[in-house]
Amino acid sequence: MDTTLEDPSITHVIDLLYEAQASRDLAAWLDLFATDAVVHDPVDSPAAEGHEAIAELWKQFTGPFSSYQRRPERVLQSRGGAAVYWTGTATTESGETDCEGIDVFEFNDDGKIRALMSWWDPAGLLLKLAGE
């Protein structure tokens, strides 16, 4: 049985990440990642490695939306990592729809995100917004 207590620094970084996404603050969002971080968003996509590639990924997943918010609903932590079930709302000129997913984080010793894997369906989200 894992008796690891919640690490408030991990909770804080997770809160900052979702706040930066909602406010579209790329600099604040990127600062939460280690310089050599790896992101799979969504998980079956090619990895974005390092700040430059992660910034490009940001542009891809925020670009289609006038507003895009992920809200952490449940956070489970264990030994330098966390899994987050989130719900969200995406808005474009054609409408608004809800979405959900799971993000899995690994943190380095400096409290930066060293890996992020995100399970969600961006294609399905765009189809819903298109009315299909």
Protein backbone atom coordinates (compact mmCIF):
# COMPACT_ATOMS: atom_id res chain seq x y z
CA MET A 1 0.00 0.00 0.00
CA ASP A 2 1.31 3.43 -0.99
CA THR A 3 1.22 5.83 1.94
CA THR A 4 2.72 8.78 0.03
CA LEU A 5 1.12 12.01 1.14
CA GLU A 6 0.06 14.67 -1.31
CA ASP A 7 2.93 16.99 -2.22
CA PRO A 8 1.65 20.58 -2.13
CA SER A 9 4.33 21.72 -4.59
CA ILE A 10 3.01 19.27 -7.20
CA THR A 11 -0.55 20.42 -6.57
CA HIS A 12 0.60 24.02 -7.01
CA VAL A 13 2.34 23.33 -10.35
CA ILE A 14 -0.73 21.49 -11.63
CA ASP A 15 -2.98 24.40 -10.63
CA LEU A 16 -0.63 26.86 -12.34
CA LEU A 17 -0.58 24.78 -15.51
CA TYR A 18 -4.37 24.76 -15.90
CA GLU A 19 -4.60 28.45 -14.95
CA ALA A 20 -2.00 29.35 -17.61
CA GLN A 21 -3.90 27.30 -20.20
CA ALA A 22 -7.17 29.04 -19.38
CA SER A 23 -5.59 32.51 -19.53
CA ARG A 24 -3.57 31.58 -22.65
CA ASP A 25 -0.30 32.56 -20.97
CA LEU A 26 2.27 30.61 -22.97
CA ALA A 27 5.27 31.98 -21.05
CA ALA A 28 3.83 31.00 -17.66
CA TRP A 29 2.77 27.59 -18.99
CA LEU A 30 6.14 26.87 -20.59
CA ASP A 31 8.01 27.91 -17.43
CA LEU A 32 6.44 24.95 -15.60
CA PHE A 33 8.30 22.47 -17.85
CA ALA A 34 11.92 21.34 -17.58
CA THR A 35 13.96 22.47 -20.58
CA ASP A 36 14.26 18.84 -21.72
CA ALA A 37 10.63 17.90 -21.00
CA VAL A 38 8.69 15.52 -23.22
CA VAL A 39 4.99 16.01 -23.96
CA HIS A 40 2.59 13.62 -25.70
CA ASP A 41 -0.65 15.60 -26.15
CA PRO A 42 -2.62 13.61 -27.09
CA VAL A 43 -0.79 10.50 -25.97
CA ASP A 44 -0.82 8.80 -29.38
CA SER A 45 0.80 11.80 -31.10
CA PRO A 46 4.52 12.25 -31.69
CA ALA A 47 6.45 13.57 -28.71
CA ALA A 48 7.18 17.26 -28.37
CA GLU A 49 10.64 17.41 -26.80
CA GLY A 50 12.09 20.58 -25.30
CA HIS A 51 10.67 24.06 -24.86
CA GLU A 52 10.63 25.01 -28.56
CA ALA A 53 8.63 21.93 -29.62
CA ILE A 54 6.34 22.21 -26.58
CA ALA A 55 5.61 25.86 -27.48
CA GLU A 56 4.65 24.73 -31.01
CA LEU A 57 2.35 22.10 -29.51
CA TRP A 58 0.71 24.85 -27.41
CA LYS A 59 -0.04 26.82 -30.59
CA GLN A 60 -1.59 23.75 -32.23
CA PHE A 61 -3.96 22.95 -29.38
CA THR A 62 -4.94 26.54 -28.53
CA GLY A 63 -5.09 27.87 -32.10
CA PRO A 64 -8.52 26.57 -33.16
CA PHE A 65 -10.24 27.89 -30.04
CA SER A 66 -11.25 31.37 -28.95
CA SER A 67 -11.38 29.90 -25.43
CA TYR A 68 -10.14 26.57 -24.12
CA GLN A 69 -10.16 25.60 -20.47
CA ARG A 70 -9.26 22.37 -18.71
CA ARG A 71 -10.38 22.14 -15.08
CA PRO A 72 -8.77 19.54 -12.81
CA GLU A 73 -11.54 17.50 -11.17
CA ARG A 74 -9.45 14.86 -9.43
CA VAL A 75 -5.72 14.66 -8.77
CA LEU A 76 -3.95 11.48 -7.66
CA GLN A 77 -0.31 11.75 -6.65
CA SER A 78 2.45 9.27 -6.02
CA ARG A 79 6.21 9.72 -5.69
CA GLY A 80 6.96 12.65 -7.97
CA GLY A 81 4.07 12.14 -10.32
CA ALA A 82 0.37 12.78 -10.68
CA ALA A 83 -2.64 11.76 -12.73
CA VAL A 84 -5.34 14.35 -13.28
CA TYR A 85 -8.87 13.73 -14.50
CA TRP A 86 -10.03 16.99 -16.04
CA THR A 87 -13.13 18.39 -17.69
CA GLY A 88 -13.04 21.29 -20.07
CA THR A 89 -14.85 23.66 -22.34
CA ALA A 90 -13.75 24.62 -25.83
CA THR A 91 -15.19 27.57 -27.73
CA THR A 92 -14.89 28.55 -31.37
CA GLU A 93 -16.87 30.96 -33.55
CA SER A 94 -19.25 28.08 -34.34
CA GLY A 95 -20.06 27.20 -30.73
CA GLU A 96 -19.00 25.65 -27.47
CA THR A 97 -18.63 22.06 -26.32
CA ASP A 98 -17.45 20.11 -23.33
CA CYS A 99 -14.52 17.73 -23.26
CA GLU A 100 -12.68 15.56 -20.77
CA GLY A 101 -9.42 13.71 -20.41
CA ILE A 102 -6.63 12.49 -18.21
CA ASP A 103 -3.19 14.06 -17.90
CA VAL A 104 -0.31 12.09 -16.37
CA PHE A 105 2.66 14.09 -15.09
CA GLU A 106 6.19 13.25 -14.01
CA PHE A 107 8.19 15.90 -12.15
CA ASN A 108 11.93 16.36 -11.79
CA ASP A 109 13.75 17.14 -8.53
CA ASP A 110 13.37 20.89 -9.21
CA GLY A 111 9.57 20.59 -9.32
CA LYS A 112 9.39 21.11 -13.08
CA ILE A 113 7.31 18.89 -15.35
CA ARG A 114 9.66 16.46 -17.08
CA ALA A 115 6.94 14.44 -18.85
CA LEU A 116 3.28 14.95 -19.65
CA MET A 117 1.02 12.43 -21.35
CA SER A 118 -2.52 13.50 -22.12
CA TRP A 119 -5.40 11.17 -22.98
CA TRP A 120 -8.22 12.97 -24.81
CA ASP A 121 -9.78 13.18 -28.27
CA PRO A 122 -9.01 16.51 -30.00
CA ALA A 123 -10.40 15.31 -33.36
CA GLY A 124 -13.68 14.34 -31.71
CA LEU A 125 -13.81 17.72 -30.00
CA LEU A 126 -13.39 19.56 -33.30
CA LEU A 127 -16.05 17.38 -34.93
CA LYS A 128 -18.48 18.19 -32.11
CA LEU A 129 -17.80 21.89 -32.59
CA ALA A 130 -18.41 21.51 -36.32
CA GLY A 131 -21.78 19.92 -35.59
CA GLU A 132 -20.88 16.49 -36.93
